[in-house]
């Protein structure tokens, strides 16, 4: 439906950090923030983005668009 996405397997925090030039700790904090905001759900074997629209708006806000 374009409003959700599943990432399987869940990438290791250190790998994500390397991809976006940040620290593992920052990745962990941001993923926790996204989880608390209801944008993602961490499952045993997958990371589900349950609100793609909100995530896109957050990205645009950070970019300053």
Foldseek 3Di string as FASTA:
>chain_A
DPFKDKDFADDQLCVVCVVVVHHSVVSVVVVVVCVVVVQWDDDPGIIMRRGVPVVVVVVCVVVVD
